[in-house]
């Protein structure tokens, strides 16, 4: 299943939802990949100021991968997406 995240804040919300569905605390998710709980919290609040490396480590902890898609290929979806 795809999880469109056109803004850093939306990415953080998706990661939080996914983490809670897996039954993981922020501490548990972070400890899997050497991130502090505060780093996980910061990414979930708004991923924009987070380091890219930390973001990728959290994605790995949750068994997720970042997928880039040319949004011009999906013109119907474009209306619902905001640019950040």
N, C-alpha and C. Protein backbone atom coordinates (compact mmCIF):
# COMPACT_ATOMS: atom_id res chain seq x y z
N UNK A 1 0.84 -1.17 0.00
CA UNK A 1 0.00 0.00 0.00
C UNK A 1 0.89 1.24 0.00
N UNK A 2 0.53 2.23 -0.78
CA UNK A 2 1.25 3.49 -0.82
C UNK A 2 0.70 4.44 0.23
N UNK A 3 1.58 5.25 0.78
CA UNK A 3 1.22 6.27 1.74
C UNK A 3 1.75 7.60 1.22
N UNK A 4 0.97 8.33 0.43
CA UNK A 4 1.46 9.60 -0.09
C UNK A 4 1.75 10.57 1.06
N UNK A 5 2.90 11.19 1.01
CA UNK A 5 3.31 12.15 2.03
C UNK A 5 3.94 13.35 1.34
N UNK A 6 3.13 14.24 0.82
CA UNK A 6 3.67 15.36 0.06
C UNK A 6 4.35 16.44 0.91
N UNK A 7 4.18 16.39 2.23
CA UNK A 7 4.84 17.37 3.08
C UNK A 7 5.56 16.64 4.22
N UNK A 8 6.59 17.25 4.79
CA UNK A 8 7.30 16.61 5.91
C UNK A 8 6.38 16.34 7.10
N UNK A 9 5.46 17.24 7.38
CA UNK A 9 4.54 17.04 8.51
C UNK A 9 3.67 15.80 8.27
N UNK A 10 3.18 15.64 7.05
CA UNK A 10 2.36 14.47 6.73
C UNK A 10 3.18 13.19 6.83
N UNK A 11 4.44 13.24 6.44
CA UNK A 11 5.31 12.08 6.58
C UNK A 11 5.42 11.68 8.04
N UNK A 12 5.61 12.65 8.91
CA UNK A 12 5.70 12.37 10.34
C UNK A 12 4.43 11.72 10.87
N UNK A 13 3.28 12.19 10.43
CA UNK A 13 2.00 11.63 10.87
C UNK A 13 1.85 10.18 10.40
N UNK A 14 2.26 9.90 9.19
CA UNK A 14 2.18 8.54 8.66
C UNK A 14 3.09 7.61 9.46
N UNK A 15 4.31 8.06 9.74
CA UNK A 15 5.24 7.24 10.51
C UNK A 15 4.69 6.94 11.90
N UNK A 16 4.09 7.94 12.53
CA UNK A 16 3.51 7.73 13.86
C UNK A 16 2.38 6.71 13.80
N UNK A 17 1.49 6.85 12.82
CA UNK A 17 0.38 5.89 12.68
C UNK A 17 0.92 4.48 12.48
N UNK A 18 1.90 4.34 11.62
CA UNK A 18 2.48 3.03 11.33
C UNK A 18 3.14 2.43 12.57
N UNK A 19 3.87 3.27 13.31
CA UNK A 19 4.54 2.80 14.54
C UNK A 19 3.52 2.31 15.56
N UNK A 20 2.46 3.08 15.77
CA UNK A 20 1.46 2.68 16.77
C UNK A 20 0.69 1.43 16.33
N UNK A 21 0.44 1.29 15.06
CA UNK A 21 -0.22 0.07 14.56
C UNK A 21 0.65 -1.17 14.78
N UNK A 22 1.97 -0.97 14.76
CA UNK A 22 2.88 -2.09 15.03
C UNK A 22 3.08 -2.33 16.52
N UNK A 23 2.46 -1.49 17.34
CA UNK A 23 2.54 -1.67 18.78
C UNK A 23 3.88 -1.26 19.38
N UNK A 24 4.57 -0.34 18.72
CA UNK A 24 5.88 0.09 19.19
C UNK A 24 5.80 1.47 19.84
N UNK A 25 6.53 1.64 20.92
CA UNK A 25 6.69 2.97 21.49
C UNK A 25 7.76 3.70 20.68
N UNK A 26 7.87 4.99 20.89
CA UNK A 26 8.94 5.74 20.22
C UNK A 26 10.30 5.21 20.66
N UNK A 27 10.42 4.88 21.92
CA UNK A 27 11.68 4.34 22.45
C UNK A 27 12.04 3.01 21.76
N UNK A 28 11.05 2.13 21.63
CA UNK A 28 11.30 0.83 21.01
C UNK A 28 11.69 0.97 19.54
N UNK A 29 10.97 1.80 18.81
CA UNK A 29 11.28 1.99 17.39
C UNK A 29 12.68 2.58 17.23
N UNK A 30 13.00 3.57 18.04
CA UNK A 30 14.31 4.19 17.96
C UNK A 30 15.44 3.27 18.35
N UNK A 31 15.24 2.48 19.38
CA UNK A 31 16.32 1.61 19.86
C UNK A 31 16.69 0.54 18.84
N UNK A 32 15.79 0.20 17.96
CA UNK A 32 16.09 -0.79 16.92
C UNK A 32 17.19 -0.31 15.98
N UNK A 33 17.32 1.00 15.84
CA UNK A 33 18.27 1.56 14.87
C UNK A 33 19.18 2.63 15.47
N UNK A 34 19.21 2.70 16.78
CA UNK A 34 20.13 3.62 17.45
C UNK A 34 19.69 5.07 17.48
N UNK A 35 18.39 5.32 17.45
CA UNK A 35 17.88 6.68 17.55
C UNK A 35 17.32 6.91 18.94
N UNK A 36 17.48 8.12 19.45
CA UNK A 36 16.89 8.49 20.72
C UNK A 36 15.38 8.65 20.56
N UNK A 37 14.65 8.46 21.65
CA UNK A 37 13.21 8.65 21.63
C UNK A 37 12.88 10.07 21.18
N UNK A 38 13.67 11.04 21.61
CA UNK A 38 13.41 12.44 21.25
C UNK A 38 13.57 12.67 19.74
N UNK A 39 14.45 11.92 19.10
CA UNK A 39 14.62 12.04 17.65
C UNK A 39 13.40 11.49 16.93
N UNK A 40 12.91 10.34 17.40
CA UNK A 40 11.69 9.75 16.81
C UNK A 40 10.53 10.73 16.98
N UNK A 41 10.40 11.31 18.16
CA UNK A 41 9.33 12.28 18.41
C UNK A 41 9.44 13.48 17.47
N UNK A 42 10.65 13.98 17.28
CA UNK A 42 10.84 15.13 16.39
C UNK A 42 10.46 14.80 14.95
N UNK A 43 10.81 13.61 14.49
CA UNK A 43 10.46 13.21 13.12
C UNK A 43 8.94 13.08 12.99
N UNK A 44 8.30 12.50 13.99
CA UNK A 44 6.85 12.32 13.93
C UNK A 44 6.11 13.65 14.01
N UNK A 45 6.67 14.63 14.68
CA UNK A 45 6.04 15.94 14.80
C UNK A 45 6.12 16.70 13.49
N UNK A 46 7.30 16.71 12.90
CA UNK A 46 7.51 17.39 11.61
C UNK A 46 8.87 16.96 11.09
N UNK A 47 8.88 16.16 10.06
CA UNK A 47 10.12 15.58 9.55
C UNK A 47 11.02 16.60 8.86
N UNK A 48 10.54 17.80 8.60
CA UNK A 48 11.33 18.78 7.83
C UNK A 48 12.69 19.08 8.44
N UNK A 49 12.79 19.38 9.73
CA UNK A 49 14.11 19.73 10.26
C UNK A 49 14.98 18.52 10.60
N UNK A 50 14.47 17.32 10.44
CA UNK A 50 15.21 16.11 10.79
C UNK A 50 16.31 15.82 9.78
N UNK A 51 17.37 15.21 10.27
CA UNK A 51 18.43 14.78 9.37
C UNK A 51 17.92 13.63 8.50
N UNK A 52 18.31 13.64 7.27
CA UNK A 52 17.88 12.60 6.34
C UNK A 52 18.31 11.23 6.84
N UNK A 53 19.51 11.12 7.38
CA UNK A 53 20.00 9.83 7.88
C UNK A 53 19.11 9.30 9.00
N UNK A 54 18.69 10.17 9.90
CA UNK A 54 17.81 9.75 10.99
C UNK A 54 16.46 9.28 10.45
N UNK A 55 15.95 10.00 9.47
CA UNK A 55 14.68 9.61 8.85
C UNK A 55 14.79 8.22 8.24
N UNK A 56 15.85 7.96 7.51
CA UNK A 56 16.02 6.65 6.89
C UNK A 56 16.18 5.54 7.94
N UNK A 57 16.83 5.85 9.03
CA UNK A 57 16.97 4.84 10.09
C UNK A 57 15.63 4.52 10.70
N UNK A 58 14.78 5.53 10.93
CA UNK A 58 13.45 5.27 11.47
C UNK A 58 12.61 4.48 10.48
N UNK A 59 12.68 4.83 9.21
CA UNK A 59 11.96 4.05 8.19
C UNK A 59 12.38 2.58 8.25
N UNK A 60 13.67 2.34 8.37
CA UNK A 60 14.18 0.98 8.45
C UNK A 60 13.64 0.26 9.68
N UNK A 61 13.60 0.95 10.80
CA UNK A 61 13.10 0.38 12.04
C UNK A 61 11.65 -0.10 11.91
N UNK A 62 10.88 0.63 11.11
CA UNK A 62 9.46 0.32 10.95
C UNK A 62 9.20 -0.60 9.76
N UNK A 63 10.26 -1.03 9.08
CA UNK A 63 10.09 -1.92 7.93
C UNK A 63 9.50 -1.20 6.73
N UNK A 64 9.79 0.11 6.61
CA UNK A 64 9.28 0.91 5.51
C UNK A 64 10.42 1.35 4.61
N UNK A 65 10.07 1.74 3.39
CA UNK A 65 11.05 2.30 2.48
C UNK A 65 10.45 3.54 1.84
N UNK A 66 11.28 4.48 1.50
CA UNK A 66 10.84 5.70 0.86
C UNK A 66 10.72 5.45 -0.64
N UNK A 67 9.59 5.81 -1.21
CA UNK A 67 9.35 5.62 -2.64
C UNK A 67 9.10 6.98 -3.27
N UNK A 68 9.85 7.27 -4.30
CA UNK A 68 9.65 8.51 -5.04
C UNK A 68 8.87 8.19 -6.31
N UNK A 69 7.89 9.02 -6.59
CA UNK A 69 7.05 8.79 -7.75
C UNK A 69 6.87 10.12 -8.47
N UNK A 70 6.97 10.10 -9.76
CA UNK A 70 6.74 11.30 -10.56
C UNK A 70 5.26 11.65 -10.48
N UNK A 71 4.95 12.73 -9.79
CA UNK A 71 3.54 13.05 -9.59
C UNK A 71 2.85 13.52 -10.87
N UNK A 72 3.60 13.83 -11.90
CA UNK A 72 2.97 14.17 -13.16
C UNK A 72 2.36 12.94 -13.82
N UNK A 73 2.76 11.76 -13.34
CA UNK A 73 2.22 10.51 -13.87
C UNK A 73 0.84 10.21 -13.29
N UNK A 74 0.44 10.94 -12.24
CA UNK A 74 -0.84 10.71 -11.58
C UNK A 74 -1.62 12.03 -11.48
N UNK A 75 -2.09 12.54 -12.62
CA UNK A 75 -2.72 13.86 -12.61
C UNK A 75 -3.95 13.95 -11.70
N UNK A 76 -4.67 12.88 -11.51
CA UNK A 76 -5.85 12.91 -10.64
C UNK A 76 -5.48 13.14 -9.19
N UNK A 77 -4.34 12.60 -8.76
CA UNK A 77 -3.89 12.76 -7.39
C UNK A 77 -3.32 14.14 -7.14
N UNK A 78 -2.88 14.80 -8.17
CA UNK A 78 -2.17 16.07 -8.03
C UNK A 78 -3.02 17.13 -7.33
N UNK A 79 -4.32 17.12 -7.54
CA UNK A 79 -5.19 18.13 -6.96
C UNK A 79 -5.20 18.06 -5.43
N UNK A 80 -5.07 16.86 -4.89
CA UNK A 80 -5.18 16.70 -3.45
C UNK A 80 -3.84 16.88 -2.74
N UNK A 81 -2.77 17.06 -3.45
CA UNK A 81 -1.44 17.17 -2.84
C UNK A 81 -1.02 18.63 -2.72
N UNK A 82 -0.42 18.94 -1.58
CA UNK A 82 0.11 20.28 -1.36
C UNK A 82 1.61 20.24 -1.53
N UNK A 83 2.14 21.31 -2.03
CA UNK A 83 3.60 21.46 -2.08
C UNK A 83 4.04 22.04 -0.76
N UNK A 84 5.19 21.70 -0.30
CA UNK A 84 5.70 22.29 0.94
C UNK A 84 6.79 23.16 0.59
